[in-house]
Amino acid sequence: MGNEKRILLSNILVIVGLIMMAVMAVTPLLVNHEPDMELMRWIFTGGAIIVLLGRLIGMYRGASLRIKRLHGILVFSGLLYCASASMMFVFQGTNNWIAFLLAGLVVQLYASWMIEREEKKGTK
């Protein structure tokens, strides 16, 4: 698989997984009736696994060690999402999973911002 196709597949997987997770995290706040929490847990878990898979497929294979480490941090954010999903099953009825979800989000935002910054610095 070519590098461009691999990155495209990675980006598609990450976007689909994040959308699945976001919809399942926000749905209980928006619906008037009690949603099927078991189905929501499984869809959220599927999204977390898809994000992790996308991050693993999209690992940086270039020469910059800093960008390579930042991509490793993105994989760690995928692991935090999977930990969030596991918390949904282990501690049912609590909101402990939100802490892991937010931690993964913060880590992902930081790493994405820094990757963009480093790539711009490299093109100058």
PDB file of N, CA and C in Angstrom:
ATOM      1  N   MET A   1       0.851  -1.170   0.000  1.00  0.00           N
ATOM      2  CA  MET A   1       0.000   0.000   0.000  1.00  0.00           C
ATOM      3  C   MET A   1       0.895   1.231   0.000  1.00  0.00           C
ATOM      4  N   GLY A   2       0.599   2.173  -0.895  1.00  0.00           N
ATOM      5  CA  GLY A   2       1.380   3.396  -0.990  1.00  0.00           C
ATOM      6  C   GLY A   2       1.194   4.275   0.226  1.00  0.00           C
ATOM      7  N   ASN A   3       2.145   5.173   0.412  1.00  0.00           N
ATOM      8  CA  ASN A   3       2.113   6.047   1.575  1.00  0.00           C
ATOM      9  C   ASN A   3       0.874   6.938   1.580  1.00  0.00           C
ATOM     10  N   GLU A   4       0.500   7.484   0.418  1.00  0.00           N
ATOM     11  CA  GLU A   4      -0.670   8.358   0.345  1.00  0.00           C
ATOM     12  C   GLU A   4      -1.954   7.588   0.644  1.00  0.00           C
ATOM     13  N   LYS A   5      -2.059   6.368   0.126  1.00  0.00           N
ATOM     14  CA  LYS A   5      -3.255   5.556   0.385  1.00  0.00           C
ATOM     15  C   LYS A   5      -3.338   5.166   1.849  1.00  0.00           C
ATOM     16  N   ARG A   6      -2.193   4.869   2.436  1.00  0.00           N
ATOM     17  CA  ARG A   6      -2.157   4.500   3.853  1.00  0.00           C
ATOM     18  C   ARG A   6      -2.600   5.671   4.723  1.00  0.00           C
ATOM     19  N   ILE A   7      -2.120   6.865   4.425  1.00  0.00           N
ATOM     20  CA  ILE A   7      -2.507   8.043   5.198  1.00  0.00           C
ATOM     21  C   ILE A   7      -3.980   8.368   4.992  1.00  0.00           C
ATOM     22  N   LEU A   8      -4.475   8.224   3.759  1.00  0.00           N
ATOM     23  CA  LEU A   8      -5.895   8.461   3.493  1.00  0.00           C
ATOM     24  C   LEU A   8      -6.764   7.480   4.270  1.00  0.00           C
ATOM     25  N   LEU A   9      -6.397   6.204   4.262  1.00  0.00           N
ATOM     26  CA  LEU A   9      -7.138   5.192   5.013  1.00  0.00           C
ATOM     27  C   LEU A   9      -7.099   5.506   6.506  1.00  0.00           C
ATOM     28  N   SER A  10      -5.938   5.903   7.007  1.00  0.00           N
ATOM     29  CA  SER A  10      -5.798   6.254   8.414  1.00  0.00           C
ATOM     30  C   SER A  10      -6.716   7.410   8.782  1.00  0.00           C
ATOM     31  N   ASN A  11      -6.713   8.455   7.951  1.00  0.00           N
ATOM     32  CA  ASN A  11      -7.556   9.622   8.233  1.00  0.00           C
ATOM     33  C   ASN A  11      -9.044   9.272   8.197  1.00  0.00           C
ATOM     34  N   ILE A  12      -9.447   8.452   7.258  1.00  0.00           N
ATOM     35  CA  ILE A  12     -10.855   8.045   7.167  1.00  0.00           C
ATOM     36  C   ILE A  12     -11.249   7.246   8.408  1.00  0.00           C
ATOM     37  N   LEU A  13     -10.402   6.305   8.819  1.00  0.00           N
ATOM     38  CA  LEU A  13     -10.701   5.506  10.004  1.00  0.00           C
ATOM     39  C   LEU A  13     -10.811   6.376  11.251  1.00  0.00           C
ATOM     40  N   VAL A  14      -9.893   7.309  11.413  1.00  0.00           N
ATOM     41  CA  VAL A  14      -9.910   8.177  12.597  1.00  0.00           C
ATOM     42  C   VAL A  14     -11.173   9.038  12.603  1.00  0.00           C
ATOM     43  N   ILE A  15     -11.534   9.598  11.464  1.00  0.00           N
ATOM     44  CA  ILE A  15     -12.730  10.446  11.397  1.00  0.00           C
ATOM     45  C   ILE A  15     -13.981   9.643  11.706  1.00  0.00           C
ATOM     46  N   VAL A  16     -14.110   8.459  11.102  1.00  0.00           N
ATOM     47  CA  VAL A  16     -15.291   7.620  11.350  1.00  0.00           C
ATOM     48  C   VAL A  16     -15.361   7.218  12.822  1.00  0.00           C
ATOM     49  N   GLY A  17     -14.241   6.808  13.390  1.00  0.00           N
ATOM     50  CA  GLY A  17     -14.218   6.403  14.794  1.00  0.00           C
ATOM     51  C   GLY A  17     -14.556   7.539  15.734  1.00  0.00           C
ATOM     52  N   LEU A  18     -13.997   8.727  15.465  1.00  0.00           N
ATOM     53  CA  LEU A  18     -14.282   9.874  16.327  1.00  0.00           C
ATOM     54  C   LEU A  18     -15.748  10.302  16.226  1.00  0.00           C
ATOM     55  N   ILE A  19     -16.325  10.214  15.033  1.00  0.00           N
ATOM     56  CA  ILE A  19     -17.747  10.547  14.884  1.00  0.00           C
ATOM     57  C   ILE A  19     -18.602   9.557  15.663  1.00  0.00           C
ATOM     58  N   MET A  20     -18.275   8.267  15.568  1.00  0.00           N
ATOM     59  CA  MET A  20     -19.028   7.260  16.324  1.00  0.00           C
ATOM     60  C   MET A  20     -18.956   7.548  17.822  1.00  0.00           C
ATOM     61  N   MET A  21     -17.759   7.858  18.302  1.00  0.00           N
ATOM     62  CA  MET A  21     -17.592   8.130  19.724  1.00  0.00           C
ATOM     63  C   MET A  21     -18.335   9.395  20.142  1.00  0.00           C
ATOM     64  N   ALA A  22     -18.240  10.437  19.334  1.00  0.00           N
ATOM     65  CA  ALA A  22     -18.896  11.702  19.677  1.00  0.00           C
ATOM     66  C   ALA A  22     -20.414  11.547  19.724  1.00  0.00           C
ATOM     67  N   VAL A  23     -20.967  10.847  18.745  1.00  0.00           N
ATOM     68  CA  VAL A  23     -22.423  10.651  18.726  1.00  0.00           C
ATOM     69  C   VAL A  23     -22.871   9.870  19.951  1.00  0.00           C
ATOM     70  N   MET A  24     -22.135   8.836  20.316  1.00  0.00           N
ATOM     71  CA  MET A  24     -22.529   8.025  21.468  1.00  0.00           C
ATOM     72  C   MET A  24     -22.302   8.758  22.787  1.00  0.00           C
ATOM     73  N   ALA A  25     -21.331   9.652  22.837  1.00  0.00           N
ATOM     74  CA  ALA A  25     -21.085  10.395  24.083  1.00  0.00           C
ATOM     75  C   ALA A  25     -22.120  11.499  24.297  1.00  0.00           C
ATOM     76  N   VAL A  26     -22.646  12.057  23.213  1.00  0.00           N
ATOM     77  CA  VAL A  26     -23.564  13.192  23.314  1.00  0.00           C
ATOM     78  C   VAL A  26     -25.032  12.755  23.308  1.00  0.00           C
ATOM     79  N   THR A  27     -25.334  11.602  22.752  1.00  0.00           N
ATOM     80  CA  THR A  27     -26.728  11.152  22.622  1.00  0.00           C
ATOM     81  C   THR A  27     -27.497  11.168  23.941  1.00  0.00           C
ATOM     82  N   PRO A  28     -26.959  10.678  25.051  1.00  0.00           N
ATOM     83  CA  PRO A  28     -27.747  10.709  26.297  1.00  0.00           C
ATOM     84  C   PRO A  28     -28.151  12.116  26.731  1.00  0.00           C
ATOM     85  N   LEU A  29     -27.386  13.111  26.319  1.00  0.00           N
ATOM     86  CA  LEU A  29     -27.710  14.483  26.689  1.00  0.00           C
ATOM     87  C   LEU A  29     -28.823  15.079  25.835  1.00  0.00           C
ATOM     88  N   LEU A  30     -29.003  14.535  24.634  1.00  0.00           N
ATOM     89  CA  LEU A  30     -29.920  15.149  23.681  1.00  0.00           C
ATOM     90  C   LEU A  30     -31.278  14.469  23.555  1.00  0.00           C
ATOM     91  N   VAL A  31     -31.391  13.215  23.972  1.00  0.00           N
ATOM     92  CA  VAL A  31     -32.661  12.507  23.791  1.00  0.00           C
ATOM     93  C   VAL A  31     -33.547  12.668  25.020  1.00  0.00           C
ATOM     94  N   ASN A  32     -34.844  12.605  24.788  1.00  0.00           N
ATOM     95  CA  ASN A  32     -35.812  12.764  25.875  1.00  0.00           C
ATOM     96  C   ASN A  32     -36.083  11.458  26.611  1.00  0.00           C
ATOM     97  N   HIS A  33     -35.836  10.334  25.967  1.00  0.00           N
ATOM     98  CA  HIS A  33     -36.086   9.042  26.596  1.00  0.00           C
ATOM     99  C   HIS A  33     -34.759   8.369  26.947  1.00  0.00           C
ATOM    100  N   GLU A  34     -34.838   7.299  27.689  1.00  0.00           N
ATOM    101  CA  GLU A  34     -33.639   6.551  28.109  1.00  0.00           C
ATOM    102  C   GLU A  34     -33.095   5.760  26.912  1.00  0.00           C
ATOM    103  N   PRO A  35     -31.900   6.097  26.418  1.00  0.00           N
ATOM    104  CA  PRO A  35     -31.345   5.355  25.275  1.00  0.00           C
ATOM    105  C   PRO A  35     -30.867   3.969  25.698  1.00  0.00           C
ATOM    106  N   ASP A  36     -30.684   3.102  24.732  1.00  0.00           N
ATOM    107  CA  ASP A  36     -30.177   1.755  24.976  1.00  0.00           C
ATOM    108  C   ASP A  36     -28.681   1.850  25.276  1.00  0.00           C
ATOM    109  N   MET A  37     -28.341   1.868  26.556  1.00  0.00           N
ATOM    110  CA  MET A  37     -26.951   2.086  26.966  1.00  0.00           C
ATOM    111  C   MET A  37     -26.022   0.953  26.535  1.00  0.00           C
ATOM    112  N   GLU A  38     -26.530  -0.263  26.485  1.00  0.00           N
ATOM    113  CA  GLU A  38     -25.683  -1.387  26.072  1.00  0.00           C
ATOM    114  C   GLU A  38     -25.227  -1.213  24.623  1.00  0.00           C
ATOM    115  N   LEU A  39     -26.159  -0.855  23.750  1.00  0.00           N
ATOM    116  CA  LEU A  39     -25.811  -0.607  22.349  1.00  0.00           C
ATOM    117  C   LEU A  39     -24.856   0.577  22.237  1.00  0.00           C
ATOM    118  N   MET A  40     -25.102   1.607  23.010  1.00  0.00           N
ATOM    119  CA  MET A  40     -24.237   2.780  22.967  1.00  0.00           C
ATOM    120  C   MET A  40     -22.814   2.450  23.413  1.00  0.00           C
ATOM    121  N   ARG A  41     -22.685   1.618  24.429  1.00  0.00           N
ATOM    122  CA  ARG A  41     -21.345   1.214  24.885  1.00  0.00           C
ATOM    123  C   ARG A  41     -20.588   0.492  23.776  1.00  0.00           C
ATOM    124  N   TRP A  42     -21.264  -0.411  23.092  1.00  0.00           N
ATOM    125  CA  TRP A  42     -20.604  -1.183  22.042  1.00  0.00           C
ATOM    126  C   TRP A  42     -20.233  -0.316  20.841  1.00  0.00           C
ATOM    127  N   ILE A  43     -21.090   0.619  20.478  1.00  0.00           N
ATOM    128  CA  ILE A  43     -20.762   1.510  19.362  1.00  0.00           C
ATOM    129  C   ILE A  43     -19.596   2.427  19.744  1.00  0.00           C
ATOM    130  N   PHE A  44     -19.607   2.942  20.968  1.00  0.00           N
ATOM    131  CA  PHE A  44     -18.503   3.773  21.443  1.00  0.00           C
ATOM    132  C   PHE A  44     -17.198   2.975  21.435  1.00  0.00           C
ATOM    133  N   THR A  45     -17.267   1.736  21.897  1.00  0.00           N
ATOM    134  CA  THR A  45     -16.076   0.875  21.910  1.00  0.00           C
ATOM    135  C   THR A  45     -15.578   0.623  20.495  1.00  0.00           C
ATOM    136  N   GLY A  46     -16.493   0.361  19.580  1.00  0.00           N
ATOM    137  CA  GLY A  46     -16.104   0.175  18.180  1.00  0.00           C
ATOM    138  C   GLY A  46     -15.420   1.410  17.627  1.00  0.00           C
ATOM    139  N   GLY A  47     -15.950   2.587  17.952  1.00  0.00           N
ATOM    140  CA  GLY A  47     -15.321   3.821  17.504  1.00  0.00           C
ATOM    141  C   GLY A  47     -13.929   3.996  18.081  1.00  0.00           C
ATOM    142  N   ALA A  48     -13.759   3.663  19.353  1.00  0.00           N
ATOM    143  CA  ALA A  48     -12.442   3.784  19.997  1.00  0.00           C
ATOM    144  C   ALA A  48     -11.430   2.834  19.349  1.00  0.00           C
ATOM    145  N   ILE A  49     -11.864   1.638  19.047  1.00  0.00           N
ATOM    146  CA  ILE A  49     -10.964   0.663  18.404  1.00  0.00           C
ATOM    147  C   ILE A  49     -10.618   1.111  16.990  1.00  0.00           C
ATOM    148  N   ILE A  50     -11.597   1.670  16.277  1.00  0.00           N
ATOM    149  CA  ILE A  50     -11.342   2.158  14.921  1.00  0.00           C
ATOM    150  C   ILE A  50     -10.345   3.317  14.958  1.00  0.00           C
ATOM    151  N   VAL A  51     -10.482   4.214  15.933  1.00  0.00           N
ATOM    152  CA  VAL A  51      -9.528   5.324  16.064  1.00  0.00           C
ATOM    153  C   VAL A  51      -8.129   4.785  16.335  1.00  0.00           C
ATOM    154  N   LEU A  52      -8.013   3.837  17.247  1.00  0.00           N
ATOM    155  CA  LEU A  52      -6.698   3.256  17.553  1.00  0.00           C
ATOM    156  C   LEU A  52      -6.100   2.582  16.324  1.00  0.00           C
ATOM    157  N   LEU A  53      -6.906   1.841  15.593  1.00  0.00           N
ATOM    158  CA  LEU A  53      -6.430   1.184  14.372  1.00  0.00           C
ATOM    159  C   LEU A  53      -5.973   2.222  13.350  1.00  0.00           C
ATOM    160  N   GLY A  54      -6.755   3.285  13.198  1.00  0.00           N
ATOM    161  CA  GLY A  54      -6.376   4.349  12.270  1.00  0.00           C
ATOM    162  C   GLY A  54      -5.069   5.009  12.671  1.00  0.00           C
ATOM    163  N   ARG A  55      -4.885   5.224  13.962  1.00  0.00           N
ATOM    164  CA  ARG A  55      -3.635   5.822  14.434  1.00  0.00           C
ATOM    165  C   ARG A  55      -2.439   4.904  14.192  1.00  0.00           C
ATOM    166  N   LEU A  56      -2.637   3.612  14.370  1.00  0.00           N
ATOM    167  CA  LEU A  56      -1.545   2.660  14.137  1.00  0.00           C
ATOM    168  C   LEU A  56      -1.189   2.570  12.651  1.00  0.00           C
ATOM    169  N   ILE A  57      -2.204   2.596  11.797  1.00  0.00           N
ATOM    170  CA  ILE A  57      -1.955   2.550  10.351  1.00  0.00           C
ATOM    171  C   ILE A  57      -1.239   3.809   9.886  1.00  0.00           C
ATOM    172  N   GLY A  58      -1.589   4.948  10.482  1.00  0.00           N
ATOM    173  CA  GLY A  58      -1.040   6.223  10.049  1.00  0.00           C
ATOM    174  C   GLY A  58       0.255   6.635  10.717  1.00  0.00           C
ATOM    175  N   MET A  59       0.933   5.709  11.352  1.00  0.00           N
ATOM    176  CA  MET A  59       2.194   6.062  12.019  1.00  0.00           C
ATOM    177  C   MET A  59       3.175   6.678  11.024  1.00  0.00           C
ATOM    178  N   TYR A  60       3.875   7.693  11.479  1.00  0.00           N
ATOM    179  CA  TYR A  60       4.834   8.438  10.666  1.00  0.00           C
ATOM    180  C   TYR A  60       6.049   7.568  10.392  1.00  0.00           C
ATOM    181  N   ARG A  61       6.489   7.577   9.139  1.00  0.00           N
ATOM    182  CA  ARG A  61       7.648   6.766   8.754  1.00  0.00           C
ATOM    183  C   ARG A  61       8.767   7.614   8.159  1.00  0.00           C
ATOM    184  N   GLY A  62       8.767   8.885   8.521  1.00  0.00           N
ATOM    185  CA  GLY A  62       9.770   9.796   7.996  1.00  0.00           C
ATOM    186  C   GLY A  62      11.013   9.846   8.866  1.00  0.00           C
ATOM    187  N   ALA A  63      11.833  10.864   8.606  1.00  0.00           N
ATOM    188  CA  ALA A  63      13.119  10.973   9.289  1.00  0.00           C
ATOM    189  C   ALA A  63      13.052  11.765  10.591  1.00  0.00           C
ATOM    190  N   SER A  64      12.041  12.597  10.754  1.00  0.00           N
ATOM    191  CA  SER A  64      11.971  13.462  11.928  1.00  0.00           C
ATOM    192  C   SER A  64      11.575  12.666  13.176  1.00  0.00           C
ATOM    193  N   LEU A  65      12.499  12.623  14.122  1.00  0.00           N
ATOM    194  CA  LEU A  65      12.243  11.880  15.354  1.00  0.00           C
ATOM    195  C   LEU A  65      11.151  12.554  16.183  1.00  0.00           C
ATOM    196  N   ARG A  66      11.112  13.886  16.172  1.00  0.00           N
ATOM    197  CA  ARG A  66      10.093  14.617  16.937  1.00  0.00           C
ATOM    198  C   ARG A  66       8.689  14.317  16.415  1.00  0.00           C
ATOM    199  N   ILE A  67       8.521  14.331  15.101  1.00  0.00           N
ATOM    200  CA  ILE A  67       7.204  14.036  14.525  1.00  0.00           C
ATOM    201  C   ILE A  67       6.836  12.576  14.778  1.00  0.00           C
ATOM    202  N   LYS A  68       7.822  11.706  14.744  1.00  0.00           N
ATOM    203  CA  LYS A  68       7.558  10.294  15.026  1.00  0.00           C
ATOM    204  C   LYS A  68       7.054  10.113  16.460  1.00  0.00           C
ATOM    205  N   ARG A  69       7.655  10.819  17.397  1.00  0.00           N
ATOM    206  CA  ARG A  69       7.214  10.754  18.795  1.00  0.00           C
ATOM    207  C   ARG A  69       5.817  11.333  18.961  1.00  0.00           C
ATOM    208  N   LEU A  70       5.528  12.416  18.265  1.00  0.00           N
ATOM    209  CA  LEU A  70       4.193  13.014  18.339  1.00  0.00           C
ATOM    210  C   LEU A  70       3.132  12.070  17.791  1.00  0.00           C
ATOM    211  N   HIS A  71       3.463  11.318  16.752  1.00  0.00           N
ATOM    212  CA  HIS A  71       2.521  10.309  16.247  1.00  0.00           C
ATOM    213  C   HIS A  71       2.339   9.190  17.276  1.00  0.00           C
ATOM    214  N   GLY A  72       3.394   8.892  18.024  1.00  0.00           N
ATOM    215  CA  GLY A  72       3.251   7.935  19.117  1.00  0.00           C
ATOM    216  C   GLY A  72       2.302   8.446  20.191  1.00  0.00           C
ATOM    217  N   ILE A  73       2.323   9.756  20.420  1.00  0.00           N
ATOM    218  CA  ILE A  73       1.385  10.354  21.372  1.00  0.00           C
ATOM    219  C   ILE A  73      -0.042  10.222  20.849  1.00  0.00           C
ATOM    220  N   LEU A  74      -0.232  10.344  19.526  1.00  0.00           N
ATOM    221  CA  LEU A  74      -1.568  10.153  18.953  1.00  0.00           C
ATOM    222  C   LEU A  74      -2.054   8.718  19.171  1.00  0.00           C
ATOM    223  N   VAL A  75      -1.145   7.758  19.083  1.00  0.00           N
ATOM    224  CA  VAL A  75      -1.519   6.371  19.382  1.00  0.00           C
ATOM    225  C   VAL A  75      -1.920   6.255  20.843  1.00  0.00           C
ATOM    226  N   PHE A  76      -1.210   6.941  21.719  1.00  0.00           N
ATOM    227  CA  PHE A  76      -1.559   6.942  23.142  1.00  0.00           C
ATOM    228  C   PHE A  76      -2.955   7.514  23.361  1.00  0.00           C
ATOM    229  N   SER A  77      -3.323   8.551  22.589  1.00  0.00           N
ATOM    230  CA  SER A  77      -4.684   9.092  22.714  1.00  0.00           C
ATOM    231  C   SER A  77      -5.710   8.030  22.309  1.00  0.00           C
ATOM    232  N   GLY A  78      -5.398   7.226  21.297  1.00  0.00           N
ATOM    233  CA  GLY A  78      -6.286   6.121  20.932  1.00  0.00           C
ATOM    234  C   GLY A  78      -6.414   5.102  22.052  1.00  0.00           C
ATOM    235  N   LEU A  79      -5.306   4.859  22.750  1.00  0.00           N
ATOM    236  CA  LEU A  79      -5.356   3.949  23.899  1.00  0.00           C
ATOM    237  C   LEU A  79      -6.203   4.529  25.031  1.00  0.00           C
ATOM    238  N   LEU A  80      -6.133   5.843  25.217  1.00  0.00           N
ATOM    239  CA  LEU A  80      -6.983   6.481  26.227  1.00  0.00           C
ATOM    240  C   LEU A  80      -8.455   6.346  25.866  1.00  0.00           C
ATOM    241  N   TYR A  81      -8.774   6.436  24.575  1.00  0.00           N
ATOM    242  CA  TYR A  81     -10.159   6.241  24.144  1.00  0.00           C
ATOM    243  C   TYR A  81     -10.612   4.808  24.429  1.00  0.00           C
ATOM    244  N   CYS A  82      -9.727   3.849  24.205  1.00  0.00           N
ATOM    245  CA  CYS A  82     -10.072   2.450  24.502  1.00  0.00           C
ATOM    246  C   CYS A  82     -10.238   2.255  26.012  1.00  0.00           C
ATOM    247  N   ALA A  83      -9.422   2.930  26.808  1.00  0.00           N
ATOM    248  CA  ALA A  83      -9.586   2.859  28.265  1.00  0.00           C
ATOM    249  C   ALA A  83     -10.923   3.467  28.670  1.00  0.00           C
ATOM    250  N   SER A  84     -11.313   4.544  28.017  1.00  0.00           N
ATOM    251  CA  SER A  84     -12.609   5.157  28.274  1.00  0.00           C
ATOM    252  C   SER A  84     -13.735   4.173  27.978  1.00  0.00           C
ATOM    253  N   ALA A  85     -13.611   3.475  26.853  1.00  0.00           N
ATOM    254  CA  ALA A  85     -14.632   2.488  26.486  1.00  0.00           C
ATOM    255  C   ALA A  85     -14.682   1.350  27.502  1.00  0.00           C
ATOM    256  N   SER A  86     -13.522   0.914  27.977  1.00  0.00           N
ATOM    257  CA  SER A  86     -13.526  -0.179  28.954  1.00  0.00           C
ATOM    258  C   SER A  86     -14.147   0.269  30.275  1.00  0.00           C
ATOM    259  N   MET A  87     -13.976   1.543  30.621  1.00  0.00           N
ATOM    260  CA  MET A  87     -14.591   2.070  31.846  1.00  0.00           C
ATOM    261  C   MET A  87     -16.116   2.037  31.750  1.00  0.00           C
ATOM    262  N   MET A  88     -16.637   2.167  30.544  1.00  0.00           N
ATOM    263  CA  MET A  88     -18.095   2.104  30.373  1.00  0.00           C
ATOM    264  C   MET A  88     -18.639   0.739  30.780  1.00  0.00           C
ATOM    265  N   PHE A  89     -17.833  -0.299  30.576  1.00  0.00           N
ATOM    266  CA  PHE A  89     -18.274  -1.653  30.910  1.00  0.00           C
ATOM    267  C   PHE A  89     -17.955  -2.019  32.356  1.00  0.00           C
ATOM    268  N   VAL A  90     -16.798  -1.568  32.849  1.00  0.00           N
ATOM    269  CA  VAL A  90     -16.363  -1.950  34.184  1.00  0.00           C
ATOM    270  C   VAL A  90     -17.158  -1.218  35.262  1.00  0.00           C
ATOM    271  N   PHE A  91     -17.308   0.075  35.101  1.00  0.00           N
ATOM    272  CA  PHE A  91     -18.014   0.886  36.094  1.00  0.00           C
ATOM    273  C   PHE A  91     -19.324   1.405  35.508  1.00  0.00           C
ATOM    274  N   GLN A  92     -20.237   0.502  35.252  1.00  0.00           N
ATOM    275  CA  GLN A  92     -21.520   0.893  34.665  1.00  0.00           C
ATOM    276  C   GLN A  92     -22.292   1.768  35.642  1.00  0.00           C
ATOM    277  N   GLY A  93     -22.938   2.783  35.094  1.00  0.00           N
ATOM    278  CA  GLY A  93     -23.720   3.679  35.929  1.00  0.00           C
ATOM    279  C   GLY A  93     -22.942   4.865  36.460  1.00  0.00           C
ATOM    280  N   THR A  94     -21.637   4.904  36.201  1.00  0.00           N
ATOM    281  CA  THR A  94     -20.832   6.050  36.627  1.00  0.00           C
ATOM    282  C   THR A  94     -20.342   6.800  35.389  1.00  0.00           C
ATOM    283  N   ASN A  95     -19.758   7.936  35.625  1.00  0.00           N
ATOM    284  CA  ASN A  95     -19.242   8.746  34.524  1.00  0.00           C
ATOM    285  C   ASN A  95     -17.719   8.787  34.512  1.00  0.00           C
ATOM    286  N   ASN A  96     -17.073   7.755  35.026  1.00  0.00           N
ATOM    287  CA  ASN A  96     -15.608   7.712  35.056  1.00  0.00           C
ATOM    288  C   ASN A  96     -15.005   7.716  33.654  1.00  0.00           C
ATOM    289  N   TRP A  97     -15.725   7.185  32.691  1.00  0.00           N
ATOM    290  CA  TRP A  97     -15.222   7.091  31.323  1.00  0.00           C
ATOM    291  C   TRP A  97     -14.968   8.473  30.720  1.00  0.00           C
ATOM    292  N   ILE A  98     -15.674   9.490  31.206  1.00  0.00           N
ATOM    293  CA  ILE A  98     -15.526  10.833  30.649  1.00  0.00           C
ATOM    294  C   ILE A  98     -14.116  11.370  30.896  1.00  0.00           C
ATOM    295  N   ALA A  99     -13.508  11.028  32.021  1.00  0.00           N
ATOM    296  CA  ALA A  99     -12.153  11.492  32.320  1.00  0.00           C
ATOM    297  C   ALA A  99     -11.158  10.983  31.282  1.00  0.00           C
ATOM    298  N   PHE A 100     -11.258   9.703  30.924  1.00  0.00           N
ATOM    299  CA  PHE A 100     -10.353   9.144  29.918  1.00  0.00           C
ATOM    300  C   PHE A 100     -10.641   9.723  28.539  1.00  0.00           C
ATOM    301  N   LEU A 101     -11.909   9.947  28.250  1.00  0.00           N
ATOM    302  CA  LEU A 101     -12.282  10.545  26.968  1.00  0.00           C
ATOM    303  C   LEU A 101     -11.692  11.946  26.842  1.00  0.00           C
ATOM    304  N   LEU A 102     -11.827  12.756  27.883  1.00  0.00           N
ATOM    305  CA  LEU A 102     -11.293  14.110  27.850  1.00  0.00           C
ATOM    306  C   LEU A 102      -9.764  14.117  27.838  1.00  0.00           C
ATOM    307  N   ALA A 103      -9.147  13.197  28.567  1.00  0.00           N
ATOM    308  CA  ALA A 103      -7.682  13.108  28.542  1.00  0.00           C
ATOM    309  C   ALA A 103      -7.195  12.757  27.134  1.00  0.00           C
ATOM    310  N   GLY A 104      -7.862  11.812  26.489  1.00  0.00           N
ATOM    311  CA  GLY A 104      -7.500  11.462  25.113  1.00  0.00           C
ATOM    312  C   GLY A 104      -7.680  12.623  24.167  1.00  0.00           C
ATOM    313  N   LEU A 105      -8.741  13.402  24.393  1.00  0.00           N
ATOM    314  CA  LEU A 105      -8.997  14.565  23.554  1.00  0.00           C
ATOM    315  C   LEU A 105      -7.895  15.610  23.714  1.00  0.00           C
ATOM    316  N   VAL A 106      -7.507  15.891  24.946  1.00  0.00           N
ATOM    317  CA  VAL A 106      -6.461  16.888  25.187  1.00  0.00           C
ATOM    318  C   VAL A 106      -5.135  16.435  24.575  1.00  0.00           C
ATOM    319  N   VAL A 107      -4.797  15.172  24.765  1.00  0.00           N
ATOM    320  CA  VAL A 107      -3.549  14.639  24.213  1.00  0.00           C
ATOM    321  C   VAL A 107      -3.584  14.702  22.684  1.00  0.00           C
ATOM    322  N   GLN A 108      -4.717  14.359  22.097  1.00  0.00           N
ATOM    323  CA  GLN A 108      -4.844  14.388  20.644  1.00  0.00           C
ATOM    324  C   GLN A 108      -4.730  15.809  20.101  1.00  0.00           C
ATOM    325  N   LEU A 109      -5.380  16.760  20.757  1.00  0.00           N
ATOM    326  CA  LEU A 109      -5.297  18.151  20.312  1.00  0.00           C
ATOM    327  C   LEU A 109      -3.866  18.675  20.379  1.00  0.00           C
ATOM    328  N   TYR A 110      -3.177  18.379  21.473  1.00  0.00           N
ATOM    329  CA  TYR A 110      -1.794  18.824  21.622  1.00  0.00           C
ATOM    330  C   TYR A 110      -0.904  18.230  20.532  1.00  0.00           C
ATOM    331  N   ALA A 111      -0.979  16.907  20.364  1.00  0.00           N
ATOM    332  CA  ALA A 111      -0.105  16.246  19.395  1.00  0.00           C
ATOM    333  C   ALA A 111      -0.421  16.697  17.972  1.00  0.00           C
ATOM    334  N   SER A 112      -1.682  16.844  17.641  1.00  0.00           N
ATOM    335  CA  SER A 112      -2.053  17.284  16.290  1.00  0.00           C
ATOM    336  C   SER A 112      -1.533  18.694  16.023  1.00  0.00           C
ATOM    337  N   TRP A 113      -1.680  19.571  16.995  1.00  0.00           N
ATOM    338  CA  TRP A 113      -1.202  20.935  16.843  1.00  0.00           C
ATOM    339  C   TRP A 113       0.321  20.972  16.681  1.00  0.00           C
ATOM    340  N   MET A 114       1.014  20.185  17.477  1.00  0.00           N
ATOM    341  CA  MET A 114       2.475  20.174  17.414  1.00  0.00           C
ATOM    342  C   MET A 114       2.987  19.535  16.127  1.00  0.00           C
ATOM    343  N   ILE A 115       2.291  18.512  15.621  1.00  0.00           N
ATOM    344  CA  ILE A 115       2.697  17.898  14.356  1.00  0.00           C
ATOM    345  C   ILE A 115       2.587  18.917  13.230  1.00  0.00           C
ATOM    346  N   GLU A 116       1.469  19.634  13.208  1.00  0.00           N
ATOM    347  CA  GLU A 116       1.290  20.660  12.174  1.00  0.00           C
ATOM    348  C   GLU A 116       2.383  21.722  12.286  1.00  0.00           C
ATOM    349  N   ARG A 117       2.689  22.134  13.492  1.00  0.00           N
ATOM    350  CA  ARG A 117       3.718  23.149  13.720  1.00  0.00           C
ATOM    351  C   ARG A 117       5.096  22.663  13.256  1.00  0.00           C
ATOM    352  N   GLU A 118       5.424  21.421  13.587  1.00  0.00           N
ATOM    353  CA  GLU A 118       6.728  20.866  13.195  1.00  0.00           C
ATOM    354  C   GLU A 118       6.825  20.688  11.689  1.00  0.00           C
ATOM    355  N   GLU A 119       5.721  20.287  11.051  1.00  0.00           N
ATOM    356  CA  GLU A 119       5.752  20.113   9.589  1.00  0.00           C
ATOM    357  C   GLU A 119       5.916  21.463   8.900  1.00  0.00           C
ATOM    358  N   LYS A 120       5.258  22.509   9.415  1.00  0.00           N
ATOM    359  CA  LYS A 120       5.446  23.851   8.845  1.00  0.00           C
ATOM    360  C   LYS A 120       6.876  24.325   9.050  1.00  0.00           C
ATOM    361  N   LYS A 121       7.441  24.033  10.204  1.00  0.00           N
ATOM    362  CA  LYS A 121       8.814  24.440  10.499  1.00  0.00           C
ATOM    363  C   LYS A 121       9.782  23.744   9.541  1.00  0.00           C
ATOM    364  N   GLY A 122       9.477  22.501   9.176  1.00  0.00           N
ATOM    365  CA  GLY A 122      10.342  21.746   8.278  1.00  0.00           C
ATOM    366  C   GLY A 122      10.276  22.213   6.835  1.00  0.00           C
ATOM    367  N   THR A 123       9.156  22.819   6.427  1.00  0.00           N
ATOM    368  CA  THR A 123       9.029  23.264   5.043  1.00  0.00           C
ATOM    369  C   THR A 123       9.632  24.642   4.805  1.00  0.00           C
ATOM    370  N   LYS A 124       9.949  25.370   5.871  1.00  0.00           N
ATOM    371  CA  LYS A 124      10.524  26.727   5.714  1.00  0.00           C
ATOM    372  C   LYS A 124      11.996  26.661   5.366  1.00  0.00           C
TER     373      LYS A 124
END
